[in-house]
Structures are given as structure tokens and as C-alpha cells.
Amino acid sequence: MRNKVICLCFISFLFIGNVFCDTIILKSGKHVEGSIKERTNDAVKVDMEGVTITYYLTDIDSINGQKVIIESVTVAEEANPQTTPVPAETYPGGRDESSGLQTSGSQEETIPETSAPSSSKMSPGLEKSTVPIGVAAGVIGGMILFGLFIGLIIYVYTSICLQFIAKKTSSEPLFLAWIPFGHFFLRFKIAKMNYLWIFVPVGLFLLSFVTGFSAGLISVLSGAGKAPVVANPIMMIVSLFFSAIYAAFSGYLWYKIALARNKKGWIGALMAINVLNGVPFISFASLIGCGVIMGYLAFSE
């Protein structure tokens, strides 16, 4: 009789323990029974036979038959998603806070997927070194305006010099000094040369344009593998040949103009250096030299 009473008390104790325990159903379908010690906005702490295990609300489907509703997500989690806790499914048996080790449970382990960093995001150093489009456009526009301003100054200065030379040699009409390509006729008149010489600069201009266009086209085709690369050096040689012809023509023309001004012919022949105007590091010196020669022929007695 005594043994029966003891057994009945023990069974009653177990039944009472099961009645007052909490039941948690995870979204994975796993049932967890224990005593909930603490519940926060994002997790619950469950005492399972003396071991405290934390389950996050994002992994729980219901607690004691009541659906779990997550009210809000903290700002810290939105700003730093890397700090989001690992789901409980990763550790089916839960996580032991006291030891940090996985507790007993299913041996299957799900490795959480890690998202690759977005390739569209640039590194901080690259973002800092990027020049805004507006600034780049402003710089390019400023350079273009500066180049046009310098070109206008050169055009006005050469036109004034040619007009003074024509006036001192009694060559008319003076307004031709201000007309593009028209100034060649005035120069031929000052130098007492035939007007047919106009075909030399005009022809060289057209040939240079065709040569430059062809060189650009060949460069594109060479990059696509549709044209021999040797064509580019040939075009450079042709361009240098045209430049040499123009230098000889310009030197001879200004040689004759210097003689018409009763100056030494070699001074005017030095104008052949204007062919160097497009050469880097020499262009500025060439422009200054040509300006000095023209000014000497225009303003000297």
C-alpha cells in the first residue's frame, strides 16, 4: 500500500509539471517544451531542465497555441543586417547561453545562406575619387572657351599685321586681311605671286582632312582586327609630307612678302616654323616666333 502511494505521488508530480510547462512550436515544425523565463520584443528565453535556451521570435510560429506576431524591427537591425541573429533552425536543439554551445537535438545542421556583396556599390575610396559630371563638364567647357579666346586673339593679331603690311605696300583691298582664305589673295598680291597659288594651301587643307579622317578610320578598324596596323605609320608619314610641303610654301610666300617690304628675305622665310604649331612643347614658341616676324614686317619702318 505504501509503495502504491509513492508511485501515485510521483506520477502526479510529473503530470503537474507537464501541465504547467510552456509549449513552443517553431516554424520548422519542431515542438519545444519548457518554462519561459523571459520574453522580449525579439526573443524568448526557455528553461529546459536547468538549461536556458534562447529562441528568436522570427523563428517561432506559436507559443502555447497563440500565433507570434512581430510588431516592429529595430532601427539597428535595418541599418546593420549583418548583426541579425542566426535562426534557431541552424541549431535545432537551441542555443545554450551559459556555454555558447549547441544543445542536444537533431544532428542536421542548416548552413545559413550568405548574400554576396552588391557589385553595384563602389568602395569608399572610389566614391571619393569620382569627379561629378557637372564639374567635369565645366572644366571641359572652360578649356574650350579658353582655346577659342586664344584663337580669336591670334586671328585678330595676324589680320592687323597683314592689313598694315598691305597698306605699306599699297596692296588693295585691305579688308581681305580679315576674311578666311581671302587673306591668301592679299598675301599673293603683296608678294606679287599668281593667284593660282591658292590651290596649294586649299589642296593641302583638303588632303590633310582626308588623311586625318582616314587615319582615324584605320585606327578603329585596326582595333577591330579588320585592317593592317602598318597603315597607321604610313598615314603619319603622309601627314608629315604634307606638313613639309606647307612649310616650304609658307616660307617662300613670306620670303617674297619680306622682299616687298624691303626687308631681308630670310626673315620672312623663317615663317616656315609655323608648321610646328601643332607639336607639343614647341607650339607656343612657334606661335611667338611667327608673331614677332609678322609684327616686325608690319610695324617696322
Protein backbone atom coordinates (compact mmCIF):
# COMPACT_ATOMS: atom_id res chain seq x y z
CA MET A 1 0.00 0.00 0.00
CA ARG A 2 2.84 2.32 0.86
CA ASN A 3 4.58 1.73 -2.48
CA LYS A 4 1.38 2.47 -4.35
CA VAL A 5 1.05 5.84 -2.63
CA ILE A 6 4.63 6.75 -3.50
CA CYS A 7 4.16 5.81 -7.17
CA LEU A 8 0.89 7.75 -7.33
CA CYS A 9 2.57 10.85 -5.89
CA PHE A 10 5.44 10.61 -8.37
CA ILE A 11 3.07 10.25 -11.32
CA SER A 12 1.03 13.20 -10.06
CA PHE A 13 4.20 15.30 -9.81
CA LEU A 14 5.13 14.53 -13.40
CA PHE A 15 1.60 15.29 -14.60
CA ILE A 16 1.55 18.61 -12.76
CA GLY A 17 4.98 19.51 -14.25
CA ASN A 18 3.72 18.81 -17.75
CA VAL A 19 0.56 20.81 -17.15
CA PHE A 20 2.41 23.97 -16.19
CA CYS A 21 5.18 23.84 -18.87
CA ASP A 22 5.08 26.10 -21.95
CA THR A 23 4.87 24.74 -25.47
CA ILE A 24 6.70 26.49 -28.30
CA ILE A 25 6.22 25.46 -31.93
CA LEU A 26 8.98 26.58 -34.28
CA LYS A 27 8.38 27.44 -37.94
CA SER A 28 10.41 24.37 -38.81
CA GLY A 29 7.71 22.24 -37.12
CA LYS A 30 9.76 21.36 -34.05
CA HIS A 31 7.96 21.35 -30.66
CA VAL A 32 9.82 22.71 -27.65
CA GLU A 33 8.53 22.34 -24.08
CA GLY A 34 9.92 24.19 -21.13
CA SER A 35 9.37 27.12 -18.80
CA ILE A 36 9.58 30.59 -20.34
CA LYS A 37 11.80 32.68 -18.06
CA GLU A 38 11.92 35.90 -20.08
CA ARG A 39 10.29 37.32 -23.19
CA THR A 40 11.47 40.39 -25.12
CA ASN A 41 10.45 42.07 -28.38
CA ASP A 42 12.66 39.75 -30.42
CA ALA A 43 13.26 36.57 -28.38
CA VAL A 44 12.15 34.29 -25.55
CA LYS A 45 14.33 32.50 -23.00
CA VAL A 46 13.20 28.98 -22.13
CA ASP A 47 14.39 26.90 -19.15
CA MET A 48 14.74 23.30 -20.24
CA GLU A 49 15.78 21.10 -17.32
CA GLY A 50 18.06 23.76 -15.86
CA VAL A 51 19.49 24.92 -19.21
CA THR A 52 18.44 28.35 -20.55
CA ILE A 53 17.94 28.42 -24.30
CA THR A 54 17.07 31.47 -26.41
CA TYR A 55 14.62 31.26 -29.33
CA TYR A 56 14.06 34.27 -31.58
CA LEU A 57 10.53 35.30 -32.46
CA THR A 58 11.39 35.30 -36.17
CA ASP A 59 11.82 31.51 -35.87
CA ILE A 60 8.75 30.79 -33.70
CA ASP A 61 5.32 30.03 -35.13
CA SER A 62 3.30 29.94 -31.88
CA ILE A 63 3.65 29.93 -28.09
CA ASN A 64 1.07 27.99 -26.08
CA GLY A 65 -1.20 27.91 -29.11
CA GLN A 66 -1.01 31.68 -29.77
CA LYS A 67 0.48 32.89 -33.06
CA VAL A 68 3.59 35.02 -32.70
CA ILE A 69 3.27 38.47 -34.30
CA ILE A 70 6.42 40.53 -34.68
CA GLU A 71 5.39 44.14 -34.10
CA SER A 72 8.43 46.05 -35.36
CA VAL A 73 12.04 45.72 -36.40
CA THR A 74 14.59 47.80 -34.60
CA VAL A 75 16.48 50.52 -36.46
CA ALA A 76 19.79 48.89 -35.60
CA GLU A 77 18.74 45.70 -37.42
CA GLU A 78 17.72 47.67 -40.53
CA ALA A 79 20.93 49.69 -40.56
CA ASN A 80 23.21 46.69 -39.93
CA PRO A 81 21.61 43.50 -41.26
CA GLN A 82 24.83 41.59 -40.60
CA THR A 83 24.03 41.65 -36.85
CA THR A 84 20.77 39.71 -37.36
CA PRO A 85 20.95 36.60 -35.12
CA VAL A 86 21.30 33.22 -36.71
CA PRO A 87 17.89 31.48 -36.94
CA ALA A 88 17.11 28.74 -34.47
CA GLU A 89 16.79 26.23 -37.32
CA THR A 90 20.55 26.44 -37.63
CA TYR A 91 20.71 24.85 -34.17
CA PRO A 92 17.69 22.56 -33.96
CA GLY A 93 18.27 21.86 -30.31
CA GLY A 94 18.52 25.56 -29.47
CA ARG A 95 21.47 27.53 -28.10
CA ASP A 96 22.87 27.40 -24.59
CA GLU A 97 23.51 30.93 -23.37
CA SER A 98 25.66 29.86 -20.45
CA SER A 99 28.17 27.89 -22.55
CA GLY A 100 27.57 29.19 -26.09
CA LEU A 101 27.45 25.55 -27.31
CA GLN A 102 24.77 23.78 -29.27
CA THR A 103 22.45 21.71 -27.08
CA SER A 104 21.21 18.26 -27.88
CA GLY A 105 18.76 17.88 -30.71
CA SER A 106 18.65 16.86 -34.33
CA GLN A 107 22.09 16.34 -35.87
CA GLU A 108 21.06 18.03 -39.11
CA GLU A 109 22.57 21.44 -39.47
CA THR A 110 21.43 24.09 -41.94
CA ILE A 111 24.12 26.49 -43.07
CA PRO A 112 22.67 29.98 -43.45
CA GLU A 113 22.95 31.50 -46.87
CA THR A 114 25.26 34.47 -47.11
CA SER A 115 24.46 37.10 -49.64
CA ALA A 116 27.33 38.25 -51.82
CA PRO A 117 28.19 41.91 -51.59
CA SER A 118 26.49 44.02 -54.19
CA SER A 119 28.79 44.79 -57.10
CA SER A 120 26.90 47.99 -57.78
CA LYS A 121 28.26 49.58 -54.59
CA MET A 122 31.61 51.29 -55.04
CA SER A 123 34.32 51.28 -52.45
CA PRO A 124 34.60 54.40 -50.28
CA GLY A 125 37.92 55.39 -51.87
CA LEU A 126 36.45 55.09 -55.35
CA GLU A 127 33.43 57.18 -54.42
CA LYS A 128 35.65 59.93 -53.06
CA SER A 129 37.81 60.00 -56.21
CA THR A 130 34.85 60.21 -58.57
CA VAL A 131 34.54 63.65 -60.19
CA PRO A 132 30.93 64.90 -60.52
CA ILE A 133 29.69 65.14 -64.09
CA GLY A 134 28.87 68.83 -63.67
CA VAL A 135 32.43 69.65 -62.58
CA ALA A 136 33.96 67.66 -65.46
CA ALA A 137 31.66 69.35 -67.98
CA GLY A 138 32.53 72.75 -66.54
CA VAL A 139 36.27 72.08 -66.83
CA ILE A 140 35.96 70.86 -70.42
CA GLY A 141 33.73 73.80 -71.35
CA GLY A 142 36.21 76.22 -69.75
CA MET A 143 39.09 74.71 -71.72
CA ILE A 144 37.12 75.00 -74.97
CA LEU A 145 36.25 78.65 -74.28
CA PHE A 146 39.87 79.41 -73.39
CA GLY A 147 41.06 77.79 -76.64
CA LEU A 148 38.53 79.82 -78.65
CA PHE A 149 39.63 83.01 -76.89
CA ILE A 150 43.31 82.37 -77.69
CA GLY A 151 42.41 81.53 -81.30
CA LEU A 152 40.43 84.78 -81.60
CA ILE A 153 43.39 86.82 -80.29
CA ILE A 154 45.76 85.16 -82.79
CA TYR A 155 43.31 85.74 -85.67
CA VAL A 156 42.85 89.42 -84.80
CA TYR A 157 46.61 89.99 -84.41
CA THR A 158 47.55 88.32 -87.73
CA SER A 159 44.78 90.19 -89.54
CA ILE A 160 46.02 93.54 -88.18
CA CYS A 161 49.62 92.74 -89.15
CA LEU A 162 48.62 91.70 -92.68
CA GLN A 163 46.49 94.84 -93.07
CA PHE A 164 49.45 97.07 -92.08
CA ILE A 165 51.78 95.19 -94.45
CA ALA A 166 49.25 95.58 -97.30
CA LYS A 167 48.85 99.27 -96.54
CA LYS A 168 52.62 99.88 -96.55
CA THR A 169 52.99 98.01 -99.87
CA SER A 170 49.95 99.74 -101.42
CA SER A 171 48.12 96.44 -101.91
CA GLU A 172 44.34 96.54 -102.08
CA PRO A 173 41.71 95.67 -100.89
CA LEU A 174 42.70 95.80 -97.23
CA PHE A 175 39.53 94.09 -95.94
CA LEU A 176 40.76 90.78 -97.39
CA ALA A 177 43.10 90.59 -94.38
CA TRP A 178 40.05 89.76 -92.20
CA ILE A 179 38.43 87.13 -94.45
CA PRO A 180 39.35 83.42 -94.00
CA PHE A 181 41.14 82.14 -97.12
CA GLY A 182 40.61 85.61 -98.58
CA HIS A 183 43.79 86.77 -96.83
CA PHE A 184 45.76 84.40 -99.10
CA PHE A 185 44.79 86.51 -102.13
CA LEU A 186 46.03 89.61 -100.33
CA ARG A 187 49.31 87.89 -99.46
CA PHE A 188 49.78 86.79 -103.09
CA LYS A 189 49.16 90.36 -104.20
CA ILE A 190 51.74 91.73 -101.72
CA ALA A 191 54.26 89.07 -102.80
CA LYS A 192 53.43 89.63 -106.50
CA MET A 193 52.60 85.95 -106.96
CA ASN A 194 49.98 84.36 -109.23
CA TYR A 195 46.58 83.79 -107.64
CA LEU A 196 46.68 80.15 -108.74
CA TRP A 197 48.97 79.54 -105.77
CA ILE A 198 45.75 79.48 -103.71
CA PHE A 199 45.33 75.81 -104.72
CA VAL A 200 48.40 74.91 -102.67
CA PRO A 201 47.01 75.80 -99.20
CA VAL A 202 43.45 74.79 -100.13
CA GLY A 203 44.62 71.48 -101.57
CA LEU A 204 46.84 70.77 -98.58
CA PHE A 205 43.94 71.56 -96.23
CA LEU A 206 41.63 69.13 -98.02
CA LEU A 207 44.29 66.43 -98.23
CA SER A 208 45.10 66.84 -94.54
CA PHE A 209 41.42 66.49 -93.67
CA VAL A 210 41.06 63.33 -95.77
CA THR A 211 44.29 61.94 -94.33
CA GLY A 212 43.21 62.60 -90.75
CA PHE A 213 39.79 61.05 -91.35
CA SER A 214 41.37 58.00 -92.99
CA ALA A 215 43.86 57.63 -90.14
CA GLY A 216 41.03 57.68 -87.60
CA LEU A 217 39.04 55.13 -89.59
CA ILE A 218 42.06 52.86 -89.93
CA SER A 219 42.71 53.11 -86.18
CA VAL A 220 39.15 51.96 -85.48
CA LEU A 221 39.40 49.11 -87.98
CA SER A 222 42.80 48.10 -86.62
CA GLY A 223 41.30 47.81 -83.16
CA ALA A 224 38.58 45.57 -84.61
CA GLY A 225 41.17 43.48 -86.47
CA LYS A 226 39.83 44.43 -89.91
CA ALA A 227 42.82 46.47 -91.18
CA PRO A 228 46.61 46.08 -91.04
CA VAL A 229 48.26 48.00 -88.20
CA VAL A 230 51.05 49.12 -90.56
CA ALA A 231 48.58 51.56 -92.17
CA ASN A 232 48.89 53.99 -89.24
CA PRO A 233 52.63 54.69 -89.68
CA ILE A 234 52.01 55.20 -93.40
CA MET A 235 49.38 57.82 -92.64
CA MET A 236 51.79 59.56 -90.27
CA ILE A 237 54.43 59.70 -93.00
CA VAL A 238 51.89 61.14 -95.45
CA SER A 239 50.85 63.76 -92.89
CA LEU A 240 54.48 64.76 -92.29
CA PHE A 241 54.97 65.04 -96.07
CA PHE A 242 52.01 67.44 -96.36
CA SER A 243 53.39 69.48 -93.44
CA ALA A 244 56.77 69.76 -95.14
CA ILE A 245 55.12 71.00 -98.35
CA TYR A 246 53.12 73.62 -96.46
CA ALA A 247 56.25 74.76 -94.56
CA ALA A 248 58.10 75.25 -97.87
CA PHE A 249 55.13 77.09 -99.36
CA SER A 250 54.71 79.35 -96.31
CA GLY A 251 58.45 80.11 -96.13
CA TYR A 252 58.58 81.05 -99.84
CA LEU A 253 55.41 83.21 -99.59
CA TRP A 254 56.71 85.22 -96.64
CA TYR A 255 60.14 85.41 -98.23
CA LYS A 256 58.51 87.31 -101.10
CA ILE A 257 56.47 89.45 -98.68
CA ALA A 258 59.65 90.42 -96.77
CA LEU A 259 61.28 91.49 -100.05
CA ALA A 260 58.18 93.57 -100.89
CA ARG A 261 58.66 95.34 -97.53
CA ASN A 262 62.32 95.97 -98.40
CA LYS A 263 63.45 93.63 -95.64
CA LYS A 264 65.84 90.71 -95.81
CA GLY A 265 64.14 87.71 -97.39
CA TRP A 266 65.40 85.15 -94.86
CA ILE A 267 63.45 86.95 -92.12
CA GLY A 268 60.21 86.17 -93.92
CA ALA A 269 61.38 82.63 -94.74
CA LEU A 270 61.54 81.93 -91.01
CA MET A 271 57.73 81.87 -91.08
CA ALA A 272 58.12 78.26 -92.18
CA ILE A 273 58.32 77.41 -88.47
CA ASN A 274 54.54 77.82 -88.25
CA VAL A 275 54.32 74.19 -89.32
CA LEU A 276 55.43 73.37 -85.75
CA ASN A 277 52.31 74.96 -84.22
CA GLY A 278 50.75 71.55 -83.59
CA VAL A 279 53.85 69.98 -82.00
CA PRO A 280 53.63 69.63 -78.18
CA PHE A 281 56.03 71.79 -76.12
CA ILE A 282 57.13 73.63 -79.31
CA SER A 283 53.79 75.06 -80.39
CA PHE A 284 53.91 78.05 -78.02
CA ALA A 285 57.44 79.02 -79.07
CA SER A 286 56.46 78.67 -82.74
CA LEU A 287 53.44 80.96 -82.28
CA ILE A 288 55.55 83.59 -80.52
CA GLY A 289 58.21 83.41 -83.25
CA CYS A 290 55.66 83.83 -86.06
CA GLY A 291 54.03 86.71 -84.19
CA VAL A 292 57.36 88.51 -83.80
CA ILE A 293 58.19 88.11 -87.51
CA MET A 294 54.77 89.37 -88.65
CA GLY A 295 54.94 92.28 -86.20
CA TYR A 296 58.38 93.22 -87.45
CA LEU A 297 57.23 93.22 -91.10
CA ALA A 298 54.05 95.14 -90.23
CA PHE A 299 55.18 97.82 -87.81
CA SER A 300 58.80 98.46 -88.65
CA GLU A 301 59.75 101.35 -90.94
